[in-house]
N, C-alpha and C. Protein backbone atom coordinates (compact mmCIF):
# COMPACT_ATOMS: atom_id res chain seq x y z
N MET A 1 -26.68 31.40 -14.91
CA MET A 1 -25.84 32.48 -14.46
C MET A 1 -24.40 32.19 -14.89
N SER A 2 -23.73 33.17 -15.48
CA SER A 2 -22.37 32.96 -15.95
C SER A 2 -21.37 33.32 -14.86
N GLU A 3 -20.26 32.60 -14.87
CA GLU A 3 -19.20 32.85 -13.90
C GLU A 3 -18.36 34.02 -14.36
N ASP A 4 -17.93 34.84 -13.43
CA ASP A 4 -17.06 35.97 -13.72
C ASP A 4 -15.68 35.44 -14.09
N ILE A 5 -15.14 35.91 -15.21
CA ILE A 5 -13.83 35.45 -15.69
C ILE A 5 -12.73 35.70 -14.64
N PHE A 6 -12.88 36.72 -13.82
CA PHE A 6 -11.89 37.04 -12.81
C PHE A 6 -11.90 36.06 -11.64
N ASP A 7 -12.94 35.25 -11.54
CA ASP A 7 -13.06 34.25 -10.48
C ASP A 7 -12.80 32.84 -10.97
N ASP A 8 -12.52 32.66 -12.25
CA ASP A 8 -12.35 31.34 -12.85
C ASP A 8 -10.97 30.78 -12.51
N GLU A 9 -10.91 29.86 -11.55
CA GLU A 9 -9.64 29.32 -11.08
C GLU A 9 -8.97 28.38 -12.07
N SER A 10 -9.67 28.02 -13.15
CA SER A 10 -9.07 27.14 -14.15
C SER A 10 -8.23 27.91 -15.18
N MET A 11 -8.30 29.22 -15.15
CA MET A 11 -7.58 30.06 -16.11
C MET A 11 -6.22 30.47 -15.56
N ALA A 12 -5.31 30.86 -16.46
CA ALA A 12 -4.03 31.44 -16.06
C ALA A 12 -4.23 32.94 -15.83
N PHE A 13 -3.51 33.45 -14.84
CA PHE A 13 -3.60 34.86 -14.49
C PHE A 13 -2.21 35.49 -14.49
N VAL A 14 -2.19 36.81 -14.57
CA VAL A 14 -0.98 37.59 -14.43
C VAL A 14 -1.24 38.68 -13.39
N VAL A 15 -0.17 39.26 -12.88
CA VAL A 15 -0.28 40.40 -11.98
C VAL A 15 0.22 41.61 -12.75
N LEU A 16 -0.57 42.67 -12.71
CA LEU A 16 -0.24 43.92 -13.38
C LEU A 16 0.10 44.99 -12.35
N ILE A 17 0.84 46.01 -12.81
CA ILE A 17 1.16 47.17 -11.97
C ILE A 17 0.95 48.43 -12.80
N ASN A 18 0.52 49.52 -12.14
CA ASN A 18 0.39 50.80 -12.84
C ASN A 18 1.43 51.80 -12.31
N HIS A 19 1.39 53.01 -12.80
CA HIS A 19 2.40 54.02 -12.44
C HIS A 19 2.34 54.41 -10.96
N GLU A 20 1.22 54.13 -10.29
CA GLU A 20 1.07 54.42 -8.87
C GLU A 20 1.47 53.24 -7.99
N LYS A 21 2.06 52.21 -8.63
CA LYS A 21 2.48 50.99 -7.94
C LYS A 21 1.30 50.29 -7.27
N GLN A 22 0.15 50.35 -7.95
CA GLN A 22 -1.01 49.58 -7.54
C GLN A 22 -1.06 48.35 -8.42
N TYR A 23 -1.51 47.25 -7.86
CA TYR A 23 -1.50 45.98 -8.57
C TYR A 23 -2.91 45.53 -8.93
N SER A 24 -2.98 44.62 -9.91
CA SER A 24 -4.24 44.04 -10.32
C SER A 24 -4.02 42.60 -10.74
N LEU A 25 -4.92 41.73 -10.32
CA LEU A 25 -4.96 40.35 -10.78
C LEU A 25 -5.72 40.35 -12.09
N TRP A 26 -5.14 39.77 -13.15
CA TRP A 26 -5.70 39.92 -14.49
C TRP A 26 -5.67 38.58 -15.24
N PRO A 27 -6.79 38.16 -15.84
CA PRO A 27 -6.78 36.94 -16.65
C PRO A 27 -5.84 37.08 -17.84
N GLU A 28 -5.00 36.08 -18.06
CA GLU A 28 -4.01 36.14 -19.13
C GLU A 28 -4.66 36.31 -20.50
N VAL A 29 -5.87 35.82 -20.69
CA VAL A 29 -6.52 35.86 -22.00
C VAL A 29 -7.00 37.25 -22.39
N LEU A 30 -7.05 38.18 -21.42
CA LEU A 30 -7.51 39.53 -21.72
C LEU A 30 -6.33 40.44 -22.05
N THR A 31 -6.56 41.41 -22.91
CA THR A 31 -5.56 42.40 -23.25
C THR A 31 -5.23 43.25 -22.03
N ILE A 32 -3.96 43.50 -21.82
CA ILE A 32 -3.55 44.35 -20.70
C ILE A 32 -3.98 45.79 -21.00
N PRO A 33 -4.69 46.42 -20.07
CA PRO A 33 -5.16 47.79 -20.30
C PRO A 33 -4.01 48.79 -20.38
N SER A 34 -4.24 49.86 -21.08
CA SER A 34 -3.28 50.95 -21.19
C SER A 34 -2.92 51.46 -19.80
N GLY A 35 -1.64 51.72 -19.57
CA GLY A 35 -1.20 52.24 -18.29
C GLY A 35 -0.80 51.16 -17.30
N TRP A 36 -0.95 49.91 -17.69
CA TRP A 36 -0.60 48.78 -16.82
C TRP A 36 0.46 47.94 -17.51
N GLU A 37 1.30 47.25 -16.73
CA GLU A 37 2.28 46.32 -17.29
C GLU A 37 2.34 45.07 -16.42
N GLN A 38 2.70 43.98 -17.03
CA GLN A 38 2.78 42.70 -16.34
C GLN A 38 4.05 42.63 -15.51
N VAL A 39 3.91 42.19 -14.25
CA VAL A 39 5.07 42.02 -13.38
C VAL A 39 5.23 40.59 -12.86
N PHE A 40 4.21 39.74 -13.05
CA PHE A 40 4.28 38.37 -12.58
C PHE A 40 3.31 37.51 -13.38
N GLY A 41 3.71 36.25 -13.58
CA GLY A 41 2.83 35.30 -14.26
C GLY A 41 3.24 35.13 -15.70
N PRO A 42 2.50 34.32 -16.41
CA PRO A 42 1.24 33.71 -16.01
C PRO A 42 1.44 32.53 -15.06
N GLN A 43 0.49 32.44 -14.13
CA GLN A 43 0.46 31.39 -13.13
C GLN A 43 -1.01 31.11 -12.79
N THR A 44 -1.21 30.20 -11.86
CA THR A 44 -2.57 29.95 -11.39
C THR A 44 -3.07 31.18 -10.64
N ARG A 45 -4.37 31.27 -10.50
CA ARG A 45 -4.97 32.38 -9.78
C ARG A 45 -4.43 32.42 -8.34
N ASP A 46 -4.38 31.26 -7.68
CA ASP A 46 -3.91 31.20 -6.30
C ASP A 46 -2.44 31.61 -6.17
N THR A 47 -1.61 31.22 -7.13
CA THR A 47 -0.19 31.60 -7.09
C THR A 47 -0.05 33.11 -7.25
N CYS A 48 -0.84 33.70 -8.15
CA CYS A 48 -0.80 35.16 -8.33
C CYS A 48 -1.29 35.88 -7.07
N LEU A 49 -2.34 35.36 -6.44
CA LEU A 49 -2.84 35.97 -5.21
C LEU A 49 -1.79 35.88 -4.10
N SER A 50 -1.09 34.77 -4.03
CA SER A 50 -0.02 34.61 -3.05
C SER A 50 1.10 35.62 -3.31
N TRP A 51 1.47 35.79 -4.59
CA TRP A 51 2.49 36.77 -4.96
C TRP A 51 2.05 38.18 -4.53
N LEU A 52 0.79 38.50 -4.77
CA LEU A 52 0.27 39.81 -4.36
C LEU A 52 0.35 39.99 -2.85
N ASN A 53 -0.03 38.96 -2.10
CA ASN A 53 0.03 39.05 -0.63
C ASN A 53 1.45 39.27 -0.14
N ASP A 54 2.42 38.68 -0.82
CA ASP A 54 3.81 38.81 -0.41
C ASP A 54 4.44 40.13 -0.84
N ASN A 55 3.97 40.72 -1.92
CA ASN A 55 4.64 41.86 -2.53
C ASN A 55 3.91 43.19 -2.46
N TRP A 56 2.62 43.17 -2.22
CA TRP A 56 1.86 44.43 -2.15
C TRP A 56 1.50 44.68 -0.69
N THR A 57 2.46 45.16 0.06
CA THR A 57 2.28 45.31 1.50
C THR A 57 1.72 46.67 1.90
N ASP A 58 1.82 47.64 1.03
CA ASP A 58 1.28 48.98 1.31
C ASP A 58 0.31 49.31 0.19
N LEU A 59 -0.97 49.33 0.50
CA LEU A 59 -2.01 49.50 -0.52
C LEU A 59 -2.17 50.95 -0.98
N ARG A 60 -1.47 51.86 -0.33
CA ARG A 60 -1.60 53.27 -0.73
C ARG A 60 -0.93 53.50 -2.09
N PRO A 61 -1.49 54.40 -2.90
CA PRO A 61 -0.83 54.76 -4.17
C PRO A 61 0.54 55.38 -3.90
N LYS A 62 1.45 55.21 -4.85
CA LYS A 62 2.82 55.74 -4.74
C LYS A 62 2.83 57.22 -4.38
N SER A 63 1.95 58.02 -5.00
CA SER A 63 1.94 59.46 -4.75
C SER A 63 1.59 59.77 -3.30
N LEU A 64 0.72 58.99 -2.68
CA LEU A 64 0.36 59.21 -1.28
C LEU A 64 1.51 58.78 -0.37
N ILE A 65 2.18 57.69 -0.69
CA ILE A 65 3.33 57.24 0.10
C ILE A 65 4.41 58.32 0.06
N GLU A 66 4.68 58.87 -1.12
CA GLU A 66 5.69 59.92 -1.25
C GLU A 66 5.29 61.18 -0.48
N MET A 67 4.00 61.51 -0.47
CA MET A 67 3.51 62.69 0.23
C MET A 67 3.71 62.53 1.74
N ASP A 68 3.56 61.28 2.24
CA ASP A 68 3.74 60.99 3.65
C ASP A 68 5.21 60.93 4.04
N GLY A 69 6.09 60.86 3.05
CA GLY A 69 7.52 60.81 3.31
C GLY A 69 8.03 59.44 3.73
N ASN A 70 7.28 58.40 3.42
CA ASN A 70 7.71 57.04 3.80
C ASN A 70 8.38 56.36 2.66
């Protein structure tokens, strides 16, 4: 059984963001998908997860936050 690249703690990771201010943990070795840009890293997987925990406090998409007026 092969390990999922997204779970491989020996790899470097980056944090991506899209236009809706949603984030993604992304292996550095993979091409960044269209519509996403790097905002943190490369760092260890755990460091990127910690950054996400500290910075992504509202999981709602930007458009929904704006609709709510917050």
